[in-house]
Amino acid sequence: MLPPMIPTPQPPEHYYYGLGRITTAYAICEAQVARIVCACRGESTAVDGAWRTYADGPGKLRKALAELLNERVDPLRAEVDQAATRHYGLGAERNRLAHAVIYLDPTMAGNWGITSPKDGDRTMPTAEELAEVFSRMTRAADELGRQVARVLTIVSTTGLCMAPTGP
């Protein structure tokens, strides 16, 4: 006979709510970065096409950014470098939360802990802390949207596009 199932403790709802908002905001940032890559390559910057082209795998967008950064130095390179730097920082912050394990620990304040391979154990973020991460992500998405416009302006006024270096 199987032992009885032990119910899984349910973490506070603020964590799921906050994590969902952060994950969604980061996806918008990724889509904006994909649009920057498309603009630099002379491809359509429509969100759906850019997203499917460059954000359909964890390394595809990073590879495209690296190719563009290695291409050459010109007005677009600074924009790509800025987008890449922002993308990597936001991705690390999102991943730290999205890939963590939540556990019940009576020795911790609030009894909830969170652990991840890179960060180790720590207390679960508060609703306010999660809201601040979300706020940073949405500000970044807005700035990346403005950056798409700058890249499109550079491309349209200079006729400059960076071709991918891959096969």
Foldseek 3Di string as FASTA:
>chain_A
DDDDDDDADDDDPLLVVLLVLLVVLLLLLLLLLLLLLCLQAVHDSDSVVSCVQQVPDDCRSVLSLVQQCPQDDDPSNVLSVVSNVVSVVSVVVSCQSVVWDWDAAPVDVVRIWIADPVPGIDHDDDSVVSVVSSVVSNVSSVVSNVSSVVSNVCCVVVVHHGHGPDD
